Each structure stands twice: as structure tokens, then as C-alpha cells.
Protein backbone atom coordinates (compact mmCIF):
# COMPACT_ATOMS: atom_id res chain seq x y z
CA MET A 1 13.56 18.85 -15.49
CA THR A 2 11.67 15.75 -16.59
CA LEU A 3 12.29 12.65 -14.48
CA ARG A 4 12.83 9.36 -16.28
CA PHE A 5 11.07 6.35 -14.72
CA ALA A 6 11.73 2.64 -15.32
CA LEU A 7 9.50 -0.22 -14.17
CA VAL A 8 10.79 -3.51 -12.76
CA GLY A 9 7.96 -6.03 -12.83
CA CYS A 10 5.23 -5.96 -15.47
CA GLY A 11 2.35 -7.75 -13.77
CA ARG A 12 -1.19 -6.63 -12.95
CA ILE A 13 -0.36 -3.47 -10.97
CA ALA A 14 2.28 -2.40 -13.51
CA ARG A 15 -0.48 -1.54 -15.97
CA ARG A 16 -1.66 1.26 -13.70
CA HIS A 17 1.85 2.67 -13.27
CA ALA A 18 2.58 2.37 -16.99
CA GLU A 19 -0.64 4.15 -17.94
CA LEU A 20 0.25 7.13 -15.77
CA LEU A 21 3.91 7.39 -16.74
CA GLY A 22 3.74 6.16 -20.32
CA GLY A 23 0.46 7.96 -20.95
CA LYS A 24 2.00 11.34 -20.06
CA GLN A 25 -0.46 11.82 -17.19
CA ILE A 26 2.21 12.96 -14.73
CA GLU A 27 3.81 16.35 -15.35
CA HIS A 28 7.62 16.28 -15.46
CA ALA A 29 7.67 12.46 -15.67
CA GLU A 30 8.11 9.96 -18.47
CA LEU A 31 8.42 6.20 -18.87
CA THR A 32 11.79 5.19 -20.34
CA ALA A 33 12.03 1.39 -19.90
CA VAL A 34 10.34 -1.71 -18.46
CA CYS A 35 11.68 -5.02 -17.20
CA ASP A 36 10.29 -8.42 -16.27
CA VAL A 37 11.82 -11.89 -16.08
CA VAL A 38 8.89 -13.07 -18.21
CA ALA A 39 9.77 -11.66 -21.62
CA ALA A 40 6.19 -11.60 -22.91
CA LYS A 41 5.04 -9.37 -20.06
CA ALA A 42 7.89 -6.90 -20.52
CA GLU A 43 7.46 -6.86 -24.28
CA HIS A 44 3.70 -6.23 -24.05
CA ILE A 45 4.07 -3.07 -21.95
CA GLY A 46 7.23 -1.97 -23.76
CA ARG A 47 5.55 -2.13 -27.14
CA GLN A 48 2.36 -0.52 -25.83
CA PHE A 49 4.24 2.56 -24.67
CA ALA A 50 7.08 2.46 -27.20
CA VAL A 51 9.90 2.07 -24.68
CA PRO A 52 12.75 -0.48 -24.48
CA TRP A 53 11.96 -3.68 -22.60
CA PHE A 54 14.33 -6.02 -20.77
CA THR A 55 14.37 -9.29 -18.85
CA ASP A 56 17.34 -8.38 -16.64
CA LEU A 57 17.22 -5.32 -14.42
CA HIS A 58 21.00 -4.85 -14.45
CA GLU A 59 21.03 -4.79 -18.25
CA MET A 60 18.24 -2.22 -18.17
CA MET A 61 20.14 -0.02 -15.74
CA ARG A 62 23.30 -0.22 -17.86
CA CYS A 63 21.52 0.52 -21.15
CA VAL A 64 18.89 3.14 -20.28
CA ARG A 65 19.28 6.44 -18.48
CA THR A 66 16.83 6.64 -15.63
CA ASP A 67 16.22 8.79 -12.55
CA VAL A 68 13.68 6.65 -10.68
CA VAL A 69 13.14 2.88 -10.65
CA VAL A 70 9.73 1.51 -9.68
CA VAL A 71 9.77 -1.99 -8.17
CA LEU A 72 6.51 -3.82 -8.96
CA THR A 73 7.62 -7.44 -8.60
CA GLU A 74 6.15 -10.04 -6.23
CA SER A 75 6.09 -8.71 -2.66
CA GLY A 76 8.48 -11.41 -1.47
CA ASN A 77 11.06 -10.30 -4.05
CA HIS A 78 10.93 -6.57 -3.27
CA ALA A 79 13.90 -6.67 -0.93
CA GLU A 80 16.21 -8.46 -3.36
CA ASN A 81 15.26 -6.06 -6.16
CA VAL A 82 15.54 -2.86 -4.09
CA ILE A 83 18.90 -3.85 -2.60
CA ALA A 84 20.27 -4.70 -6.06
CA LEU A 85 19.02 -1.42 -7.52
CA SER A 86 20.31 0.74 -4.67
CA SER A 87 23.88 0.38 -5.99
CA TYR A 88 22.94 2.43 -9.08
CA GLY A 89 22.27 5.55 -6.99
CA ARG A 90 18.79 6.20 -8.39
CA SER A 91 15.65 6.95 -6.38
CA ILE A 92 13.49 3.87 -5.83
CA ILE A 93 9.73 3.45 -5.51
CA VAL A 94 8.48 0.12 -4.17
CA GLU A 95 4.86 -1.06 -4.21
CA LYS A 96 3.07 -2.16 -1.05
CA PRO A 97 3.91 -3.98 1.07
CA MET A 98 7.54 -2.86 0.96
CA ALA A 99 8.59 -6.39 2.00
CA LEU A 100 7.14 -9.47 3.69
CA THR A 101 9.55 -9.68 6.63
CA LEU A 102 10.90 -7.05 8.98
CA ASP A 103 14.44 -8.28 8.36
CA ASP A 104 13.99 -7.66 4.63
CA ALA A 105 12.53 -4.21 5.26
CA ASP A 106 15.44 -3.31 7.52
CA ALA A 107 17.94 -4.55 4.90
CA MET A 108 16.25 -2.39 2.24
CA ILE A 109 16.41 0.69 4.44
CA ARG A 110 20.07 0.08 5.27
CA ALA A 111 21.02 -0.46 1.63
CA CYS A 112 19.30 2.71 0.47
CA ASP A 113 20.74 4.75 3.34
CA LYS A 114 24.25 3.47 2.60
CA ALA A 115 23.90 4.31 -1.11
CA GLY A 116 22.32 7.70 -0.44
CA VAL A 117 19.20 6.61 -2.31
CA ARG A 118 15.69 7.85 -1.59
CA LEU A 119 13.23 5.03 -0.95
CA PHE A 120 9.53 5.74 -1.58
CA VAL A 121 6.86 3.23 -0.50
CA VAL A 122 3.56 3.33 -2.41
CA LYS A 123 0.66 4.23 -0.13
CA GLN A 124 -1.58 5.95 -2.65
CA ASN A 125 -4.74 5.88 -0.54
CA ARG A 126 -3.20 8.52 1.71
CA PHE A 127 -3.69 10.89 -1.24
CA ASN A 128 -7.40 10.18 -1.76
CA VAL A 129 -9.41 13.41 -1.58
CA PRO A 130 -11.69 12.40 1.35
CA VAL A 131 -8.78 10.76 3.21
CA LEU A 132 -6.81 14.02 3.12
CA LYS A 133 -9.85 15.87 4.50
CA LEU A 134 -10.15 13.33 7.32
CA ARG A 135 -6.45 13.71 8.12
CA GLU A 136 -6.88 17.49 8.21
CA ALA A 137 -9.67 17.18 10.78
CA LEU A 138 -7.49 14.93 12.93
CA GLU A 139 -4.57 17.36 12.80
CA GLN A 140 -6.93 20.18 13.77
CA GLY A 141 -7.97 18.21 16.87
CA ARG A 142 -11.63 18.15 15.89
CA PHE A 143 -12.20 14.60 17.16
CA GLY A 144 -10.86 15.20 20.65
CA ARG A 145 -10.05 11.90 22.34
CA LEU A 146 -10.11 9.08 19.81
CA VAL A 147 -12.43 6.17 20.66
CA LEU A 148 -12.67 3.71 17.76
CA GLY A 149 -11.18 3.29 14.31
CA THR A 150 -12.42 0.72 11.80
CA VAL A 151 -11.40 -0.33 8.30
CA ARG A 152 -13.33 -2.75 6.09
CA VAL A 153 -12.05 -4.35 2.90
CA ARG A 154 -14.77 -6.43 1.25
CA TRP A 155 -13.44 -7.27 -2.17
CA CYS A 156 -13.86 -10.09 -4.66
CA ARG A 157 -10.89 -12.18 -5.75
CA PRO A 158 -12.06 -15.49 -7.24
CA GLN A 159 -9.88 -18.54 -7.77
CA SER A 160 -9.12 -17.36 -11.30
CA TYR A 161 -7.34 -14.31 -9.85
CA TYR A 162 -4.99 -16.47 -7.80
CA ASP A 163 -4.48 -18.90 -10.66
CA GLN A 164 -2.99 -16.13 -12.86
CA ASP A 165 0.41 -16.59 -11.19
CA ALA A 166 1.84 -19.39 -9.03
CA TRP A 167 3.08 -16.95 -6.37
CA ARG A 168 -0.33 -15.45 -5.57
CA GLY A 169 -1.61 -16.37 -2.13
CA THR A 170 1.65 -18.08 -1.12
CA TRP A 171 3.37 -17.33 2.18
CA ALA A 172 6.78 -16.96 0.58
CA LEU A 173 5.93 -14.29 -2.00
CA ASP A 174 2.52 -12.80 -1.28
CA GLY A 175 0.55 -13.65 1.85
CA GLY A 176 -3.20 -13.22 1.98
CA VAL A 177 -5.76 -10.45 2.11
CA LEU A 178 -4.05 -8.75 5.06
CA SER A 179 -0.63 -8.35 3.47
CA ASN A 180 -1.87 -7.75 -0.07
CA GLN A 181 -5.28 -6.17 -0.62
CA ALA A 182 -5.79 -4.69 2.87
CA SER A 183 -2.26 -3.41 3.48
CA HIS A 184 -3.23 0.10 2.32
CA HIS A 185 -6.17 0.15 4.71
CA VAL A 186 -4.07 -1.11 7.61
CA ASP A 187 -1.68 1.76 6.87
CA LEU A 188 -4.53 4.28 6.82
CA LEU A 189 -5.89 3.08 10.16
CA GLU A 190 -2.51 3.37 11.86
CA TRP A 191 -1.85 6.74 10.19
CA MET A 192 -5.11 8.10 11.56
CA MET A 193 -5.25 6.43 14.99
CA GLY A 194 -1.58 6.39 16.01
CA GLU A 195 0.76 3.68 17.24
CA VAL A 196 -0.68 0.27 18.06
CA GLU A 197 -0.25 -1.30 21.49
CA SER A 198 -1.55 -4.81 20.78
CA VAL A 199 -3.54 -6.96 18.34
CA PHE A 200 -5.66 -10.08 18.44
CA ALA A 201 -6.71 -11.71 15.17
CA GLN A 202 -8.36 -14.70 13.56
CA SER A 203 -8.51 -15.74 9.92
CA SER A 204 -9.82 -18.34 7.52
CA THR A 205 -9.38 -19.44 3.93
CA ALA A 206 -13.03 -19.57 2.99
CA LEU A 207 -13.63 -19.64 -0.77
CA VAL A 208 -10.33 -20.17 -2.60
CA ASN A 209 -7.52 -22.70 -2.67
CA ILE A 210 -4.45 -20.75 -1.50
CA GLU A 211 -1.88 -21.11 1.30
CA ALA A 212 -2.74 -17.86 3.07
CA GLU A 213 -6.03 -16.35 4.26
CA ASP A 214 -8.81 -14.79 2.22
CA THR A 215 -10.73 -13.54 5.29
CA ALA A 216 -9.60 -12.03 8.59
CA VAL A 217 -10.83 -9.99 11.54
CA VAL A 218 -8.53 -8.07 13.89
CA VAL A 219 -9.09 -6.23 17.17
CA LEU A 220 -6.52 -3.55 18.00
CA ARG A 221 -5.68 -1.49 21.05
CA PHE A 222 -3.87 1.77 20.33
CA ARG A 223 -1.35 3.41 22.64
CA ASN A 224 -3.71 6.35 23.12
CA GLY A 225 -6.33 4.01 24.61
CA ALA A 226 -8.59 3.83 21.56
CA LEU A 227 -9.73 0.54 20.05
CA GLY A 228 -9.74 -0.56 16.43
CA VAL A 229 -11.20 -3.18 14.12
CA ILE A 230 -9.90 -4.50 10.81
CA GLU A 231 -12.30 -6.57 8.70
CA ALA A 232 -10.68 -7.84 5.51
CA THR A 233 -11.83 -10.34 2.91
CA THR A 234 -11.47 -11.16 -0.76
CA ALA A 235 -14.43 -13.52 -0.42
CA ALA A 236 -17.11 -10.95 -1.26
CA ARG A 237 -19.22 -12.33 -4.10
CA PRO A 238 -19.94 -11.69 -6.89
CA ARG A 239 -18.08 -8.32 -7.01
CA ASP A 240 -16.18 -5.78 -4.88
CA LEU A 241 -18.34 -4.32 -2.14
CA GLU A 242 -16.34 -1.73 -0.19
CA GLY A 243 -13.05 -0.36 1.04
CA SER A 244 -13.79 1.96 3.94
CA ILE A 245 -12.53 3.66 7.07
CA SER A 246 -14.40 5.21 9.99
CA ILE A 247 -12.96 7.26 12.86
CA LEU A 248 -14.95 8.00 16.03
CA GLY A 249 -13.91 10.46 18.74
CA GLU A 250 -15.47 12.28 21.65
CA HIS A 251 -16.37 15.27 19.46
CA GLY A 252 -17.00 13.77 16.04
CA ALA A 253 -17.38 10.84 13.67
CA VAL A 254 -16.31 10.45 10.04
CA GLU A 255 -16.86 7.56 7.65
CA ILE A 256 -15.31 7.22 4.20
CA GLY A 257 -16.76 4.44 2.06
CA GLY A 258 -17.06 3.46 -1.58
CA PHE A 259 -15.09 0.52 -2.94
CA ALA A 260 -11.78 2.45 -2.89
CA VAL A 261 -11.99 4.69 0.22
CA ASN A 262 -13.33 7.34 -2.11
CA GLU A 263 -16.74 8.50 -0.91
CA MET A 264 -17.44 10.65 2.15
CA LYS A 265 -20.33 8.90 3.91
CA ALA A 266 -20.52 10.77 7.23
CA TRP A 267 -18.99 14.03 8.47
CA ASN A 268 -20.34 14.90 11.91
CA PHE A 269 -18.74 17.16 14.53
CA SER A 270 -20.02 18.71 17.75
CA GLN A 271 -18.43 22.03 16.86
CA PRO A 272 -19.23 22.68 13.17
CA HIS A 273 -16.95 24.61 10.84
CA GLU A 274 -18.18 26.94 8.12
CA ASP A 275 -17.38 24.56 5.27
CA ASP A 276 -18.80 21.40 6.89
CA SER A 277 -22.06 21.62 4.95
CA SER A 278 -20.23 21.18 1.64
CA VAL A 279 -17.80 18.45 2.66
CA MET A 280 -20.04 15.53 1.65
CA GLU A 281 -20.31 16.84 -1.90
CA ARG A 282 -16.81 18.27 -2.36
CA PHE A 283 -14.79 15.38 -0.96
CA SER A 284 -16.16 12.36 -2.80
CA VAL A 285 -14.88 10.88 -6.04
CA ASN A 286 -15.94 7.95 -8.18
CA PRO A 287 -12.91 6.06 -9.50
CA PRO A 288 -13.26 3.40 -12.20
CA ASN A 289 -11.65 0.64 -10.10
CA VAL A 290 -10.29 -0.25 -6.65
CA TYR A 291 -6.98 1.49 -7.44
CA GLY A 292 -8.78 4.84 -7.22
CA PHE A 293 -7.12 8.09 -8.26
CA GLY A 294 -4.44 8.04 -5.58
CA HIS A 295 -1.61 6.76 -7.79
CA GLN A 296 -1.65 9.94 -9.86
CA SER A 297 -1.45 12.16 -6.78
CA TYR A 298 1.21 9.86 -5.38
CA TYR A 299 3.40 10.22 -8.46
CA GLU A 300 2.93 13.97 -8.45
CA HIS A 301 4.12 13.91 -4.83
CA VAL A 302 7.20 11.83 -5.74
CA VAL A 303 8.12 14.15 -8.61
CA ASP A 304 7.71 17.21 -6.38
CA CYS A 305 9.82 15.66 -3.61
CA ILE A 306 12.69 14.84 -5.98
CA ARG A 307 12.60 18.06 -7.99
CA SER A 308 12.27 20.27 -4.90
CA ASP A 309 14.31 18.10 -2.50
CA LYS A 310 11.38 17.70 -0.09
CA GLN A 311 10.81 14.93 2.45
CA GLN A 312 8.50 12.20 1.18
CA LEU A 313 5.32 11.27 3.07
CA VAL A 314 6.14 7.54 3.18
CA ASP A 315 9.81 6.58 3.29
CA GLY A 316 11.22 3.20 4.26
CA LEU A 317 10.80 3.74 8.01
CA GLU A 318 7.20 4.90 7.58
CA GLY A 319 6.44 2.00 5.24
CA ARG A 320 7.90 -0.43 7.79
CA LYS A 321 5.28 0.55 10.40
CA SER A 322 2.36 -1.12 8.64
CA LEU A 323 4.51 -4.17 7.86
CA GLU A 324 5.31 -4.56 11.54
CA LEU A 325 1.60 -4.33 12.34
CA ILE A 326 0.68 -6.89 9.67
CA SER A 327 3.43 -9.22 10.95
CA ALA A 328 2.03 -8.90 14.49
CA ILE A 329 -1.44 -9.73 13.19
CA TYR A 330 -0.14 -12.90 11.52
CA GLU A 331 1.75 -13.77 14.70
CA SER A 332 -1.53 -13.51 16.62
CA ILE A 333 -3.32 -15.71 14.09
CA GLU A 334 -0.67 -18.41 14.43
CA THR A 335 -0.43 -18.30 18.23
CA ARG A 336 -4.11 -17.54 18.89
CA ARG A 337 -2.96 -14.97 21.40
CA GLU A 338 -2.89 -11.22 21.79
CA VAL A 339 0.42 -9.88 20.49
CA THR A 340 2.03 -6.73 21.85
CA LEU A 341 4.08 -4.46 19.62
CA ARG A 342 7.09 -3.87 19.39
CA PHE A 343 8.09 -7.46 18.81
CA ARG A 344 10.12 -9.87 16.73
CA PRO A 345 8.04 -12.52 14.94
CA ASN A 346 8.55 -16.16 15.91
CA HIS A 347 5.54 -17.87 14.36
CA CYS A 348 4.46 -15.51 11.53
CA ARG A 349 4.64 -17.40 8.22
CA LEU A 350 4.64 -14.32 5.99
CA GLY A 351 7.72 -14.20 3.80
CA VAL A 352 9.11 -17.52 5.09
CA ARG A 353 10.58 -19.68 2.34
CA ALA A 354 10.87 -23.45 2.59
């Protein structure tokens, strides 16, 4: 059975999704339609991949048979789109972050549960080759007691990037580097280190004219007693520098670097395994851009889950975890205080509309 995919939102990230689905790079998957409120964007991708294009998602759903709808609109509009699409009874994929507010995330989960719809949240970096090897070592207990986890996102997004669309860098529809570019890395850190106890953060808007931050640093305390650091910026110049994660424990230390969490930099354990000597070579890849190769593996995972009725790695509840953490980080930035999870935001500006 070949699954039919439709895209809602034809912006920058949609090109990657369209290339995989429309380019026949995913087995048992095909692109059948695209939609965007800006006709020129929908038409461009529709014509490129010879599929129907629409400016109204309801018209698309009425006119084209589809099995999975991929929501790629502005982050602040994800909830509205997902809730509207849930009534059609089709599986839904939503790009990161799944929403900008916890209330919106909860409403999405409720709507999909009520409609019996599977909700997939895109976290493609979990499928990176070295990341999977790191996760394997954690599950094997090779680190022992965890001590410190760190992620660094040092990317370049000049003013011209934000000027492409009026919503970029706004609190209502996007947020800053933490909610956009670094959200995958925040997810990876929490996935590896476990639940977060508290956060303290500071941020600045250093090199661009936007509402939200382009640079932030965060200190975390995990429930298992370990500490963590998030360093995130889109103010690296003149090009992307790195997207990395490092995990330190009482019996080992691993660092994955590159500009897309793609290159094994260190693999050191007190008790070596037979294959450790080949890990550095076998578990590094060189992707052409910061998206890496994870989207392909992610789509293969989605197709397998639907065709074989398996549980997905990141559903709505799992996707909500990193959003709650990001919301707590923004709360800390606004209050200049340590924020303890679980909490309800009072001062976080992310997703707030005037």
C-alpha cells in the first residue's frame, strides 16, 4: 500500500518535504497535493512535482484523496491547522515546534484523540545515525550516573532570512532561536538526559531586528541530579558553525558535532565494547545542509508506523515535552528567575497574540 501525502504550507521547510515525497525518495509514499494561502508558493511546488495545488486546505481535502497531511505552516498557526484537519480522519504530521503555547498543544492532542487521528511531531534529529548510537549507549547503561548534558546551536541567520516573511522572529507566530532553530536540540537533550527539574536562562537580540531573541544561554537541572547547558544562537557569522550535543557520565563521554548533529567527535567509555574502535568512522555522516538526513529516516518511520500499526516515536504527548521546556525557558528569561517544571506560564510571550 502506497500512502498519499499532502502538504499544508509551502514555505522554506516545505521544499525538503516535497523533495522527499515528490521525488519518490520514500518507499510506499507519494506526494498528491500541496496547499498554501499564498497562491504563488503553492503553485511553484505543485508545478515542480506535477501535483494539484490549492489555497484552501478544506478544498484540498475535499478534492484530493490523501492518507497523511503534513502541516508546515507558521508555528503559531499549527494548532488551528491541525485541529481543522483532524475532522477528516487522516493521520497528521506537524513540523516542530508542534505549537507555541501549551494550551494549543493540549487542544491539538485532544482534537486528534477525539477524531481517532494519529498525530506525528517532526523530530528528525532523533533519527541521525550518530544520535541513534548515542541513545543505544544510554539505554545500555554505559554512562552510569549522568553528570552533564550540553547542546550548542551556532547557526547563521542574517536579517535577510527574517525579512523573507513578516511572521519570522515574531512572538505570535515564531519566537526566536530557542523555539525555532534550537527546538530539535532541546528535544535531543531532554530525550537523552531525562525529565527537567528547573531552568534558568538569559537571552539577547544581538545582530538582527526581530521581536524575539537570536541568542540565548540556559542552565538546566535534571530530575536525576545531572546538570545541562543549552547555548543557542543564529548570530554566528558569516556561516553556520555547529549543531552539537555532548553527554558526560561517570563511566563515559560522547560528543556529536558537525553543523547538523551529524559527526561523532568523541566516543569514550571506561568499559570498552568490541565495536568501539569503529564507531567514530561508522557513525558520522556529512549532510549537504543543516536539515541533515533525518527527514528521510523520519518519513520511513512514519510510513512503517502507519502501514504496520506501530507506535510512533514522537506523538503529541512526546512533542509537548520539549514545548513545555521551551516555555519554561522563556518564562525564566522574562522573570529573570529559576523556573521549576511542571508549571503554567504567566510571563512567557511565545505564542501570545496582541
